[in-house]
Protein backbone atom coordinates (compact mmCIF):
# COMPACT_ATOMS: atom_id res chain seq x y z
CA UNK A 1 3.61 -0.71 5.39
CA UNK A 2 2.83 -4.22 6.59
CA UNK A 3 1.76 -5.22 10.11
CA UNK A 4 4.57 -6.38 12.35
CA UNK A 5 4.96 -9.97 13.33
CA UNK A 6 2.91 -10.93 16.34
CA UNK A 7 4.75 -10.93 19.62
CA UNK A 8 4.41 -10.15 23.28
CA UNK A 9 2.64 -6.88 24.01
CA UNK A 10 4.83 -4.51 26.00
CA UNK A 11 1.95 -2.16 26.82
CA UNK A 12 -1.56 -2.78 28.18
CA UNK A 13 -4.06 -3.59 25.46
CA UNK A 14 -6.17 -0.65 26.63
CA UNK A 15 -3.34 1.73 25.68
CA UNK A 16 -2.90 -0.02 22.34
CA UNK A 17 -6.63 0.18 21.61
CA UNK A 18 -6.71 3.89 22.36
CA UNK A 19 -3.65 4.56 20.17
CA UNK A 20 -5.11 2.47 17.34
CA UNK A 21 -8.46 4.26 17.73
CA UNK A 22 -6.74 7.62 17.31
CA UNK A 23 -5.16 6.33 14.09
CA UNK A 24 -8.54 5.06 12.86
CA UNK A 25 -10.06 8.43 13.78
CA UNK A 26 -7.41 10.07 11.59
CA UNK A 27 -8.29 7.90 8.60
CA UNK A 28 -12.00 8.65 9.03
CA UNK A 29 -11.05 12.34 8.95
CA UNK A 30 -9.08 11.88 5.70
CA UNK A 31 -5.54 11.37 7.04
CA UNK A 32 -3.48 8.45 5.74
CA UNK A 33 -2.88 5.67 8.24
CA UNK A 34 0.87 6.08 7.80
CA UNK A 35 0.67 9.73 8.85
CA UNK A 36 -1.77 8.97 11.68
CA UNK A 37 0.50 6.26 13.09
CA UNK A 38 3.52 8.55 12.94
CA UNK A 39 1.90 10.50 15.79
CA UNK A 40 1.73 7.43 18.04
CA UNK A 41 4.42 7.13 20.72
CA UNK A 42 7.23 4.88 19.49
CA UNK A 43 6.84 2.14 22.14
CA UNK A 44 3.15 1.76 21.26
CA UNK A 45 3.47 2.06 17.50
CA UNK A 46 4.09 -1.58 16.42
CA UNK A 47 1.10 -2.92 18.36
CA UNK A 48 -1.11 0.05 17.43
CA UNK A 49 -0.13 -0.47 13.80
CA UNK A 50 -1.16 -4.12 13.86
CA UNK A 51 -4.54 -3.31 15.46
CA UNK A 52 -5.29 -0.31 13.22
CA UNK A 53 -4.34 -2.20 10.05
CA UNK A 54 -6.70 -4.96 11.13
CA UNK A 55 -9.42 -2.40 11.84
CA UNK A 56 -9.08 -1.06 8.29
CA UNK A 57 -9.48 -4.58 6.90
CA UNK A 58 -12.62 -5.15 8.98
CA UNK A 59 -14.04 -1.63 8.91
CA UNK A 60 -17.07 -2.34 6.71
CA UNK A 61 -18.26 -5.18 8.92
CA UNK A 62 -17.39 -3.35 12.14
CA UNK A 63 -19.34 -0.31 10.96
CA UNK A 64 -22.41 -2.38 10.08
CA UNK A 65 -22.41 -4.05 13.50
CA UNK A 66 -21.90 -0.76 15.31
CA UNK A 67 -24.76 0.88 13.44
CA UNK A 68 -27.06 -2.02 14.29
CA UNK A 69 -26.25 -1.65 17.99
CA UNK A 70 -25.82 2.14 18.12
CA UNK A 71 -27.95 3.63 15.31
CA UNK A 72 -26.91 7.17 16.15
CA UNK A 73 -23.28 7.94 15.39
CA UNK A 74 -21.44 9.07 18.55
CA UNK A 75 -20.77 12.79 18.59
CA UNK A 76 -17.20 12.22 19.82
CA UNK A 77 -15.09 10.99 16.83
CA UNK A 78 -12.64 9.24 19.16
CA UNK A 79 -15.46 7.29 20.81
CA UNK A 80 -16.73 6.26 17.38
CA UNK A 81 -13.23 5.13 16.38
CA UNK A 82 -12.72 3.20 19.63
CA UNK A 83 -15.98 1.33 19.12
CA UNK A 84 -15.07 0.53 15.52
CA UNK A 85 -11.63 -0.67 16.55
CA UNK A 86 -13.04 -2.94 19.28
CA UNK A 87 -15.76 -4.31 17.01
CA UNK A 88 -13.13 -5.01 14.32
CA UNK A 89 -11.30 -7.26 16.79
CA UNK A 90 -14.52 -9.02 17.78
CA UNK A 91 -15.99 -9.67 14.30
CA UNK A 92 -12.92 -11.27 12.69
CA UNK A 93 -12.63 -15.03 12.64
CA UNK A 94 -9.73 -16.63 14.50
CA UNK A 95 -7.68 -17.30 11.36
CA UNK A 96 -7.88 -13.67 10.22
CA UNK A 97 -6.99 -12.37 13.67
CA UNK A 98 -4.07 -14.77 14.04
CA UNK A 99 -2.72 -13.83 10.59
CA UNK A 100 -2.80 -10.17 11.60
CA UNK A 101 -1.17 -10.84 14.98
CA UNK A 102 -4.18 -9.46 16.90
CA UNK A 103 -5.81 -12.57 18.36
CA UNK A 104 -7.38 -11.72 21.73
CA UNK A 105 -10.08 -13.41 23.78
CA UNK A 106 -13.42 -11.56 23.31
CA UNK A 107 -13.82 -10.81 27.02
CA UNK A 108 -10.31 -9.32 27.04
CA UNK A 109 -11.21 -6.98 24.18
CA UNK A 110 -14.35 -5.83 25.98
CA UNK A 111 -12.56 -5.30 29.29
CA UNK A 112 -9.65 -3.41 27.73
CA UNK A 113 -11.87 -1.24 25.54
CA UNK A 114 -13.81 -0.19 28.65
CA UNK A 115 -10.53 0.56 30.41
CA UNK A 116 -9.41 2.62 27.42
CA UNK A 117 -12.60 4.69 27.61
CA UNK A 118 -12.42 5.05 31.38
CA UNK A 119 -8.84 6.31 31.23
CA UNK A 120 -9.65 9.09 28.75
CA UNK A 121 -11.39 12.14 30.21
CA UNK A 122 -13.57 12.80 27.15
CA UNK A 123 -14.58 9.14 26.90
CA UNK A 124 -15.05 8.25 30.56
CA UNK A 125 -18.77 9.23 30.59
CA UNK A 126 -19.35 6.69 27.80
CA UNK A 127 -17.67 3.64 29.31
CA UNK A 128 -21.10 2.17 30.01
CA UNK A 129 -22.01 2.53 26.34
CA UNK A 130 -18.78 0.83 25.32
CA UNK A 131 -19.30 -1.99 27.79
CA UNK A 132 -22.97 -2.51 26.98
CA UNK A 133 -22.67 -2.47 23.20
CA UNK A 134 -19.66 -4.79 23.08
CA UNK A 135 -21.22 -7.27 25.50
CA UNK A 136 -24.48 -7.18 23.58
CA UNK A 137 -22.58 -8.05 20.42
CA UNK A 138 -21.11 -11.13 22.13
CA UNK A 139 -24.60 -12.23 23.21
CA UNK A 140 -26.24 -11.57 19.83
CA UNK A 141 -23.32 -12.23 17.56
CA UNK A 142 -25.03 -14.66 15.16
CA UNK A 143 -28.08 -12.51 14.45
CA UNK A 144 -26.02 -9.32 14.15
CA UNK A 145 -23.57 -10.92 11.73
CA UNK A 146 -26.46 -12.29 9.68
CA UNK A 147 -27.98 -8.82 9.42
CA UNK A 148 -24.62 -7.27 8.48
CA UNK A 149 -24.14 -9.87 5.74
CA UNK A 150 -26.90 -8.18 3.71
CA UNK A 151 -24.66 -5.16 3.10
CA UNK A 152 -21.93 -5.41 0.42
CA UNK A 153 -19.65 -3.07 2.36
CA UNK A 154 -19.84 -5.38 5.38
CA UNK A 155 -19.34 -8.56 3.35
CA UNK A 156 -16.32 -7.31 1.39
CA UNK A 157 -14.93 -4.61 3.72
CA UNK A 158 -14.67 -2.16 0.83
CA UNK A 159 -16.84 0.87 0.03
CA UNK A 160 -19.97 0.06 -1.98
CA UNK A 161 -18.75 2.05 -5.00
CA UNK A 162 -15.48 0.08 -5.07
CA UNK A 163 -17.31 -3.26 -4.97
CA UNK A 164 -19.72 -2.11 -7.68
CA UNK A 165 -16.90 -0.92 -9.93
CA UNK A 166 -14.97 -4.19 -9.67
CA UNK A 167 -18.12 -6.19 -10.42
CA UNK A 168 -18.47 -4.25 -13.67
CA UNK A 169 -14.78 -4.27 -14.67
CA UNK A 170 -14.01 -7.87 -13.64
CA UNK A 171 -17.30 -9.82 -13.78
CA UNK A 172 -15.57 -13.22 -13.61
CA UNK A 173 -13.30 -12.67 -10.63
CA UNK A 174 -14.29 -9.50 -8.74
CA UNK A 175 -14.86 -11.57 -5.59
CA UNK A 176 -11.37 -13.02 -5.79
CA UNK A 177 -9.89 -9.53 -6.12
CA UNK A 178 -11.74 -8.29 -3.06
CA UNK A 179 -10.72 -11.29 -0.98
CA UNK A 180 -7.10 -10.92 -2.04
CA UNK A 181 -7.11 -7.22 -1.18
CA UNK A 182 -8.03 -8.03 2.41
CA UNK A 183 -5.18 -10.44 3.09
CA UNK A 184 -1.98 -9.17 4.73
CA UNK A 185 0.88 -9.36 2.20
CA UNK A 186 4.29 -10.93 2.45
CA UNK A 187 7.24 -8.62 2.98
CA UNK A 188 9.23 -8.62 -0.29
CA UNK A 189 12.72 -7.25 -0.79
CA UNK A 190 14.77 -6.45 -3.90
CA UNK A 191 18.43 -7.44 -3.77
CA UNK A 192 20.95 -4.72 -4.61
CA UNK A 193 23.12 -6.81 -6.92
CA UNK A 194 25.83 -4.15 -6.90
CA UNK A 195 26.50 -5.08 -3.27
CA UNK A 196 25.52 -8.73 -2.84
CA UNK A 197 23.85 -11.69 -4.51
CA UNK A 198 20.45 -13.14 -3.76
CA UNK A 199 22.03 -16.41 -2.67
CA UNK A 200 24.34 -14.64 -0.22
CA UNK A 201 21.47 -12.58 1.17
CA UNK A 202 19.23 -15.60 1.73
CA UNK A 203 22.12 -17.33 3.49
CA UNK A 204 22.70 -14.29 5.72
CA UNK A 205 19.00 -14.27 6.60
CA UNK A 206 19.05 -18.00 7.31
CA UNK A 207 22.01 -17.52 9.66
CA UNK A 208 19.98 -14.86 11.49
CA UNK A 209 16.98 -17.17 11.80
CA UNK A 210 14.96 -15.39 9.11
CA UNK A 211 13.19 -17.60 6.55
CA UNK A 212 13.31 -16.17 3.02
CA UNK A 213 12.37 -17.46 -0.43
CA UNK A 214 13.48 -16.24 -3.89
CA UNK A 215 10.87 -14.32 -5.90
CA UNK A 216 11.20 -13.14 -9.51
CA UNK A 217 14.61 -12.12 -10.86
CA UNK A 218 16.03 -10.32 -7.84
CA UNK A 219 13.41 -10.58 -5.12
CA UNK A 220 13.26 -12.22 -1.71
CA UNK A 221 10.04 -12.84 0.23
CA UNK A 222 10.08 -13.23 4.01
CA UNK A 223 7.87 -15.74 5.76
CA UNK A 224 7.03 -13.03 8.32
CA UNK A 225 7.39 -9.23 8.13
CA UNK A 226 10.19 -7.77 10.23
CA UNK A 227 11.29 -4.23 11.08
CA UNK A 228 13.94 -3.38 8.48
CA UNK A 229 16.57 -2.50 11.08
CA UNK A 230 16.36 -6.05 12.46
CA UNK A 231 17.30 -7.66 9.14
CA UNK A 232 20.88 -8.31 8.03
CA UNK A 233 22.22 -5.94 5.40
CA UNK A 234 19.84 -3.01 5.73
CA UNK A 235 22.43 -0.43 6.82
CA UNK A 236 24.91 -1.91 4.33
CA UNK A 237 22.50 -1.31 1.42
CA UNK A 238 22.16 -4.96 0.43
CA UNK A 239 18.45 -4.68 -0.30
CA UNK A 240 15.35 -2.49 -0.45
CA UNK A 241 11.73 -3.20 0.37
CA UNK A 242 9.83 -3.46 -2.93
CA UNK A 243 6.88 -5.57 -4.04
CA UNK A 244 7.44 -8.15 -6.78
CA UNK A 245 5.13 -6.29 -9.20
CA UNK A 246 7.05 -3.03 -8.74
CA UNK A 247 10.31 -4.89 -9.37
CA UNK A 248 9.24 -5.44 -12.99
CA UNK A 249 9.45 -1.74 -13.89
CA UNK A 250 13.17 -1.07 -14.22
CA UNK A 251 14.04 -4.20 -16.29
CA UNK A 252 11.29 -3.37 -18.81
CA UNK A 253 13.19 -0.25 -19.90
CA UNK A 254 16.32 -2.33 -20.69
CA UNK A 255 18.67 0.47 -19.63
CA UNK A 256 22.36 0.38 -20.56
CA UNK A 257 25.44 2.20 -19.32
CA UNK A 258 25.59 5.84 -20.34
CA UNK A 259 21.88 6.29 -21.04
CA UNK A 260 20.13 9.52 -20.11
CA UNK A 261 17.14 8.44 -18.03
CA UNK A 262 14.22 10.22 -16.36
CA UNK A 263 12.31 8.79 -13.41
CA UNK A 264 9.22 10.98 -13.19
CA UNK A 265 7.14 10.94 -9.97
CA UNK A 266 10.14 9.21 -8.40
CA UNK A 267 9.50 9.25 -4.63
CA UNK A 268 10.12 7.27 -2.51
CA UNK A 269 12.81 6.09 -4.93
CA UNK A 270 12.50 2.31 -5.15
CA UNK A 271 12.37 2.24 -8.93
CA UNK A 272 15.02 4.98 -9.16
CA UNK A 273 17.40 2.79 -7.19
CA UNK A 274 16.55 -0.29 -9.23
CA UNK A 275 17.40 1.51 -12.48
CA UNK A 276 20.75 2.57 -11.06
CA UNK A 277 21.47 -0.94 -9.83
CA UNK A 278 21.05 -2.21 -13.39
CA UNK A 279 23.38 0.24 -15.19
CA UNK A 280 25.55 3.34 -14.84
CA UNK A 281 23.12 6.06 -15.88
CA UNK A 282 22.77 9.81 -16.19
CA UNK A 283 19.53 9.79 -14.20
CA UNK A 284 17.22 12.61 -13.18
CA UNK A 285 14.63 11.82 -10.50
CA UNK A 286 11.70 14.22 -10.38
CA UNK A 287 8.90 14.56 -7.86
CA UNK A 288 6.50 17.36 -7.06
CA UNK A 289 7.08 16.91 -3.31
CA UNK A 290 10.47 18.20 -2.17
CA UNK A 291 10.06 16.49 1.21
CA UNK A 292 9.58 13.11 -0.42
CA UNK A 293 12.66 13.67 -2.56
CA UNK A 294 14.73 13.82 0.62
CA UNK A 295 13.69 10.22 1.16
CA UNK A 296 14.89 9.37 -2.36
CA UNK A 297 18.29 10.89 -1.58
CA UNK A 298 18.50 8.96 1.70
CA UNK A 299 17.59 5.67 0.07
CA UNK A 300 20.13 6.14 -2.71
CA UNK A 301 22.85 7.03 -0.22
CA UNK A 302 22.18 3.87 1.81
CA UNK A 303 22.41 1.77 -1.36
CA UNK A 304 25.61 3.43 -2.56
CA UNK A 305 23.92 5.04 -5.57
CA UNK A 306 23.52 8.59 -6.83
CA UNK A 307 21.25 10.58 -9.11
CA UNK A 308 20.20 14.16 -9.65
CA UNK A 309 16.95 14.93 -7.87
CA UNK A 310 14.67 17.88 -8.50
CA UNK A 311 11.29 19.01 -7.16
CA UNK A 312 8.99 20.01 -10.01
CA UNK A 313 5.60 19.49 -11.58
CA UNK A 314 6.61 16.91 -14.17
CA UNK A 315 3.89 18.07 -16.59
CA UNK A 316 5.23 21.65 -16.56
CA UNK A 317 8.27 21.13 -18.78
CA UNK A 318 9.44 24.74 -18.67
CA UNK A 319 10.20 24.46 -14.96
CA UNK A 320 12.66 21.59 -15.20
CA UNK A 321 13.52 20.33 -18.72
CA UNK A 322 16.74 21.57 -20.32
CA UNK A 323 15.66 20.53 -23.82
CA UNK A 324 17.89 17.45 -24.02
CA UNK A 325 15.83 14.32 -24.72
CA UNK A 326 15.93 11.16 -22.63
CA UNK A 327 16.67 7.64 -23.86
CA UNK A 328 14.27 6.14 -21.32
CA UNK A 329 11.47 7.61 -19.21
CA UNK A 330 9.71 5.90 -16.34
CA UNK A 331 6.26 7.42 -15.77
CA UNK A 332 5.04 5.85 -12.53
CA UNK A 333 2.11 8.24 -12.47
CA UNK A 334 -0.14 9.20 -9.54
CA UNK A 335 -3.19 6.95 -9.22
CA UNK A 336 -5.84 5.76 -6.77
CA UNK A 337 -3.39 3.09 -5.54
CA UNK A 338 -6.22 0.56 -5.74
CA UNK A 339 -3.69 -2.19 -6.42
CA UNK A 340 -1.80 -1.84 -3.13
CA UNK A 341 -4.65 -2.00 -0.61
CA UNK A 342 -3.12 -5.17 0.84
CA UNK A 343 -0.24 -3.06 2.09
CA UNK A 344 -2.21 0.12 2.73
CA UNK A 345 -5.71 -0.99 3.79
CA UNK A 346 -6.76 2.57 4.60
CA UNK A 347 -6.65 3.52 0.89
CA UNK A 348 -10.09 2.06 0.18
CA UNK A 349 -11.67 4.25 2.86
CA UNK A 350 -9.77 7.40 1.85
CA UNK A 351 -10.72 7.27 -1.82
CA UNK A 352 -13.95 8.51 -3.40
CA UNK A 353 -15.39 7.26 -6.68
CA UNK A 354 -14.73 10.59 -8.38
CA UNK A 355 -11.01 10.17 -7.67
CA UNK A 356 -10.72 7.63 -10.50
CA UNK A 357 -11.69 10.12 -13.19
CA UNK A 358 -9.62 12.86 -11.56
CA UNK A 359 -6.43 10.80 -11.46
CA UNK A 360 -7.04 9.53 -15.01
CA UNK A 361 -7.12 13.12 -16.27
CA UNK A 362 -3.90 13.92 -14.39
CA UNK A 363 -2.24 10.79 -15.77
CA UNK A 364 -3.07 11.75 -19.35
CA UNK A 365 -1.64 15.24 -18.80
CA UNK A 366 1.61 13.83 -17.40
CA UNK A 367 2.00 11.14 -20.08
CA UNK A 368 1.47 13.65 -22.90
CA UNK A 369 4.05 16.02 -21.42
CA UNK A 370 6.61 13.28 -20.90
CA UNK A 371 6.27 11.99 -24.45
CA UNK A 372 7.78 15.30 -25.59
CA UNK A 373 11.04 14.60 -23.74
CA UNK A 374 11.57 11.08 -25.14
CA UNK A 375 14.32 10.86 -27.75
CA UNK A 376 13.57 9.31 -31.16
CA UNK A 377 13.99 5.57 -30.65
CA UNK A 378 13.66 6.06 -26.90
CA UNK A 379 11.12 4.41 -24.61
CA UNK A 380 8.46 5.50 -22.15
CA UNK A 381 7.14 3.08 -19.55
CA UNK A 382 3.69 3.99 -18.24
CA UNK A 383 3.04 2.42 -14.84
CA UNK A 384 0.38 2.60 -12.14
CA UNK A 385 -0.30 0.65 -8.96
CA UNK A 386 -4.01 0.55 -9.82
CA UNK A 387 -6.44 -2.16 -10.88
CA UNK A 388 -9.03 0.23 -12.32
CA UNK A 389 -8.86 0.04 -16.16
CA UNK A 390 -9.57 3.78 -16.43
CA UNK A 391 -6.08 4.31 -15.00
CA UNK A 392 -4.47 1.45 -16.92
CA UNK A 393 -5.60 -0.29 -20.09
CA UNK A 394 -7.95 2.46 -21.26
CA UNK A 395 -5.36 5.11 -20.46
CA UNK A 396 -2.74 3.31 -22.55
CA UNK A 397 -5.12 2.85 -25.49
CA UNK A 398 -6.06 6.54 -25.45
CA UNK A 399 -2.40 7.56 -25.25
CA UNK A 400 -1.56 5.57 -28.37
CA UNK A 401 -4.46 7.14 -30.27
CA UNK A 402 -3.21 10.63 -29.34
CA UNK A 403 0.37 9.82 -30.37
CA UNK A 404 0.72 8.05 -33.74
CA UNK A 405 4.50 7.96 -33.25
CA UNK A 406 4.12 5.72 -30.18
CA UNK A 407 4.70 2.04 -30.95
CA UNK A 408 3.50 -0.25 -28.21
CA UNK A 409 6.02 -2.86 -27.09
CA UNK A 410 5.50 -6.07 -25.07
CA UNK A 411 4.78 -5.39 -21.37
CA UNK A 412 2.79 -7.19 -18.65
CA UNK A 413 -0.32 -4.99 -18.97
CA UNK A 414 -2.70 -5.42 -16.03
CA UNK A 415 -1.38 -7.46 -13.11
CA UNK A 416 -3.90 -8.62 -10.50
CA UNK A 417 -3.45 -10.11 -7.05
CA UNK A 418 -4.68 -13.70 -6.77
CA UNK A 419 -6.90 -14.68 -3.85
CA UNK A 420 -5.37 -18.14 -3.44
CA UNK A 421 -1.92 -18.34 -5.08
CA UNK A 422 0.02 -21.59 -5.17
CA UNK A 423 2.83 -19.92 -3.24
CA UNK A 424 1.62 -17.06 -1.01
CA UNK A 425 5.12 -15.60 -0.82
CA UNK A 426 4.94 -14.98 -4.58
CA UNK A 427 1.84 -12.81 -4.32
CA UNK A 428 2.22 -9.41 -5.93
CA UNK A 429 0.34 -6.13 -5.84
CA UNK A 430 -2.04 -4.96 -8.53
CA UNK A 431 -0.08 -3.04 -11.19
CA UNK A 432 -0.37 -1.92 -14.81
CA UNK A 433 2.46 -1.54 -17.32
CA UNK A 434 2.46 -0.24 -20.89
CA UNK A 435 5.72 0.33 -22.81
CA UNK A 436 6.03 2.65 -25.81
CA UNK A 437 8.85 3.37 -28.24
CA UNK A 438 9.06 6.66 -30.15
CA UNK A 439 9.28 5.87 -33.87
């Protein structure tokens, strides 16, 4: 989910700050930002989303500044989240704030944060603390920022363990990866070539005043993110939102009409739809979450496509496999999602270092199970939206050692997001791909 384009605020900033603070509070309690924002009233949600996304991208620095000014963590979690949200707006430089659509004068942030506290019964007794700490930051900004700069979490706005791990895994460009992860991404679409062409779609966007550029084989990148319902062709199924890196998955399997295909871990269905756009397939889409499969069905219906969907643990073959092998299997396995933090900046704060080993073990279990359902001569594409080698390159190497009948075919391997690409619209998420044929 990307922040909305900046625009006039329809609600007082104090209301937006409070709504964003509640979302930040949710993330600090272990709830995804997407779920936390779903609880925000619809009129407030776009602005609260922009502010809370920005807060996630500045959380390390905001936390360091808050701790310097208020050493004792506030007992009220909402007060703590409101302070962090306000500090996140104050610490960012003007370019970062403008890019996120949250550029406000410092005195406005202070005034509206105090109003937000005063208007909330549980926070009203602390409005003096909010006012005093924020104003003190403005007076002592240089010295406080200098002190914060001694902490890696504050410098890079990622947890210390994440920074340390990237320094080890990517000694030559770990800094570039961290910088890239903190930049809001372009909104990228995949054209449904069963319903329109990329040229026709770009022309329709241009007629609607939307600037779009071609990306990859079937992608379109927008100069500014827009709500999907405001873009031509959404209801008609002309396109889907999908990052350029994710758009590489379906073509790698080289599917042809009549093939029996499995999309394991399919929700929310972007790659399922892409496979069906490329050929007429007998396709089964599996996911362990029945609720998320409803979203797959809805997406396919909008695009004019169809597939069988089933809720099951993909590694437990007895619960879903009928014994007939598949010509192609897409294993977009669960991972830490460390490659998509540009789009989901809360991920870095929700993950713990032990999650990497835990997801790697789950990935190996799923890949081994799925190899059993691949037909002789068939292919399995292993994919993750992670940049940690334990979930990518090392996982693929170990899989091949366990399965002598797995021949590795050409595939992109580890894709990384560049900090300063030549064409920002062509940025892509961090992804890993390994393709195997059963010999």
